[in-house]
N, C-alpha and C. Protein backbone atom coordinates (compact mmCIF):
# COMPACT_ATOMS: atom_id res chain seq x y z
N UNK A 1 122.95 179.66 141.31
CA UNK A 1 122.49 179.99 139.98
C UNK A 1 121.25 179.13 139.68
N UNK A 2 120.21 179.72 139.18
CA UNK A 2 119.01 178.93 138.86
C UNK A 2 119.30 177.85 137.83
N UNK A 3 118.53 176.79 137.90
CA UNK A 3 118.75 175.63 137.03
C UNK A 3 118.61 175.98 135.54
N UNK A 4 117.68 176.90 135.22
CA UNK A 4 117.47 177.28 133.81
C UNK A 4 118.71 177.97 133.25
N UNK A 5 119.34 178.82 134.03
CA UNK A 5 120.54 179.50 133.54
C UNK A 5 121.70 178.53 133.37
N UNK A 6 121.81 177.52 134.25
CA UNK A 6 122.87 176.52 134.10
C UNK A 6 122.67 175.70 132.83
N UNK A 7 121.42 175.33 132.56
CA UNK A 7 121.13 174.57 131.34
C UNK A 7 121.38 175.43 130.11
N UNK A 8 120.97 176.70 130.14
CA UNK A 8 121.18 177.61 129.02
C UNK A 8 122.66 177.85 128.78
N UNK A 9 123.45 177.90 129.84
CA UNK A 9 124.89 178.13 129.70
C UNK A 9 125.57 176.98 128.96
N UNK A 10 125.01 175.78 129.04
CA UNK A 10 125.59 174.63 128.34
C UNK A 10 125.43 174.74 126.83
N UNK A 11 124.36 175.42 126.38
CA UNK A 11 124.04 175.46 124.96
C UNK A 11 124.15 176.85 124.33
N UNK A 12 124.69 177.82 125.03
CA UNK A 12 124.68 179.19 124.53
C UNK A 12 125.51 179.34 123.25
N UNK A 13 126.67 178.69 123.15
CA UNK A 13 127.48 178.85 121.94
C UNK A 13 126.80 178.18 120.74
N UNK A 14 126.15 177.04 120.98
CA UNK A 14 125.42 176.38 119.90
C UNK A 14 124.24 177.23 119.44
N UNK A 15 123.60 177.90 120.37
CA UNK A 15 122.48 178.78 120.04
C UNK A 15 122.93 179.95 119.18
N UNK A 16 124.06 180.54 119.53
CA UNK A 16 124.58 181.66 118.74
C UNK A 16 124.99 181.21 117.34
N UNK A 17 125.60 180.05 117.21
CA UNK A 17 125.96 179.53 115.90
C UNK A 17 124.71 179.29 115.06
N UNK A 18 123.70 178.68 115.66
CA UNK A 18 122.46 178.40 114.94
C UNK A 18 121.78 179.69 114.48
N UNK A 19 121.68 180.67 115.36
CA UNK A 19 121.04 181.95 115.00
C UNK A 19 121.85 182.66 113.91
N UNK A 20 123.17 182.58 113.98
CA UNK A 20 124.01 183.18 112.93
C UNK A 20 123.77 182.53 111.58
N UNK A 21 123.68 181.19 111.57
CA UNK A 21 123.39 180.49 110.32
C UNK A 21 122.02 180.87 109.77
N UNK A 22 121.04 181.04 110.65
CA UNK A 22 119.69 181.41 110.20
C UNK A 22 119.72 182.78 109.53
N UNK A 23 120.43 183.73 110.13
CA UNK A 23 120.51 185.07 109.52
C UNK A 23 121.24 185.03 108.18
N UNK A 24 122.30 184.25 108.08
CA UNK A 24 123.04 184.16 106.82
C UNK A 24 122.17 183.56 105.73
N UNK A 25 121.45 182.48 106.05
CA UNK A 25 120.60 181.84 105.05
C UNK A 25 119.46 182.77 104.65
N UNK A 26 118.85 183.46 105.59
CA UNK A 26 117.75 184.38 105.28
C UNK A 26 118.22 185.51 104.36
N UNK A 27 119.39 186.08 104.67
CA UNK A 27 119.91 187.16 103.83
C UNK A 27 120.26 186.66 102.44
N UNK A 28 120.76 185.44 102.34
CA UNK A 28 121.10 184.89 101.03
C UNK A 28 119.86 184.62 100.21
N UNK A 29 118.79 184.12 100.85
CA UNK A 29 117.54 183.91 100.11
C UNK A 29 116.95 185.24 99.63
N UNK A 30 117.13 186.31 100.40
CA UNK A 30 116.64 187.61 99.96
C UNK A 30 117.42 188.09 98.74
N UNK A 31 118.66 187.66 98.61
CA UNK A 31 119.50 188.05 97.49
C UNK A 31 119.14 187.23 96.25
N UNK A 32 119.07 185.89 96.40
CA UNK A 32 118.77 185.02 95.27
C UNK A 32 118.34 183.66 95.81
N UNK A 33 117.32 183.07 95.17
CA UNK A 33 116.83 181.77 95.64
C UNK A 33 117.86 180.68 95.41
N UNK A 34 118.54 180.69 94.29
CA UNK A 34 119.56 179.68 94.00
C UNK A 34 120.72 179.79 95.00
N UNK A 35 121.15 181.00 95.26
CA UNK A 35 122.22 181.19 96.23
C UNK A 35 121.76 180.77 97.63
N UNK A 36 120.49 180.97 97.94
CA UNK A 36 119.95 180.54 99.23
C UNK A 36 119.98 179.04 99.39
N UNK A 37 119.68 178.31 98.33
CA UNK A 37 119.74 176.85 98.39
C UNK A 37 121.19 176.40 98.58
N UNK A 38 122.13 177.04 97.90
CA UNK A 38 123.54 176.72 98.12
C UNK A 38 123.94 177.02 99.56
N UNK A 39 123.48 178.13 100.11
CA UNK A 39 123.86 178.47 101.49
C UNK A 39 123.28 177.48 102.49
N UNK A 40 122.07 176.97 102.25
CA UNK A 40 121.52 175.94 103.13
C UNK A 40 122.40 174.69 103.09
N UNK A 41 122.84 174.30 101.91
CA UNK A 41 123.72 173.15 101.78
C UNK A 41 125.02 173.33 102.53
N UNK A 42 125.61 174.51 102.41
CA UNK A 42 126.86 174.79 103.10
C UNK A 42 126.65 174.78 104.61
N UNK A 43 125.55 175.38 105.08
CA UNK A 43 125.25 175.42 106.51
C UNK A 43 125.04 174.01 107.05
N UNK A 44 124.33 173.17 106.31
CA UNK A 44 124.11 171.80 106.78
C UNK A 44 125.41 171.01 106.84
N UNK A 45 126.30 171.23 105.90
CA UNK A 45 127.60 170.57 105.94
C UNK A 45 128.39 171.06 107.16
N UNK A 46 128.39 172.36 107.40
CA UNK A 46 129.11 172.90 108.56
C UNK A 46 128.55 172.39 109.87
N UNK A 47 127.23 172.32 109.98
CA UNK A 47 126.62 171.80 111.21
C UNK A 47 127.00 170.34 111.40
N UNK A 48 126.99 169.57 110.33
CA UNK A 48 127.40 168.17 110.41
C UNK A 48 128.85 168.04 110.87
N UNK A 49 129.73 168.88 110.35
CA UNK A 49 131.12 168.85 110.78
C UNK A 49 131.27 169.26 112.24
N UNK A 50 130.53 170.28 112.65
CA UNK A 50 130.60 170.71 114.04
C UNK A 50 130.10 169.62 114.99
N UNK A 51 129.04 168.95 114.61
CA UNK A 51 128.50 167.90 115.47
C UNK A 51 129.43 166.69 115.51
N UNK A 52 130.11 166.42 114.43
CA UNK A 52 131.01 165.26 114.42
C UNK A 52 132.30 165.55 115.18
N UNK A 53 132.72 166.79 115.26
CA UNK A 53 133.95 167.15 115.97
C UNK A 53 133.72 167.32 117.46
N UNK A 54 132.49 167.65 117.87
CA UNK A 54 132.20 167.91 119.28
C UNK A 54 131.39 166.72 119.82
N UNK A 55 132.05 165.75 120.42
CA UNK A 55 131.32 164.58 120.89
C UNK A 55 130.37 164.91 122.04
N UNK A 56 129.31 164.16 122.13
CA UNK A 56 128.34 164.35 123.19
C UNK A 56 128.99 164.07 124.53
N UNK A 57 128.67 164.86 125.54
CA UNK A 57 129.24 164.66 126.87
C UNK A 57 128.62 163.46 127.57
N UNK A 58 127.49 162.96 127.06
CA UNK A 58 126.85 161.81 127.67
C UNK A 58 127.54 160.50 127.29
N UNK A 59 128.20 160.47 126.12
CA UNK A 59 128.91 159.27 125.68
C UNK A 59 130.27 159.18 126.35
N UNK A 60 130.64 157.99 126.80
CA UNK A 60 131.96 157.80 127.37
C UNK A 60 132.52 156.49 126.96
């Protein structure tokens, strides 16, 4: 398997989560600016929780 595909396979789920959050925030901003700001806050909290629950594989 080429090296690029192996590296991409390590981050594919994070990429899908990030793209999903981007679409949700974009759609919310199209609906209302205030609701969009709330959605950014919720997304940032969720990303923080995801990063805190999934420890880096480099740390041991």
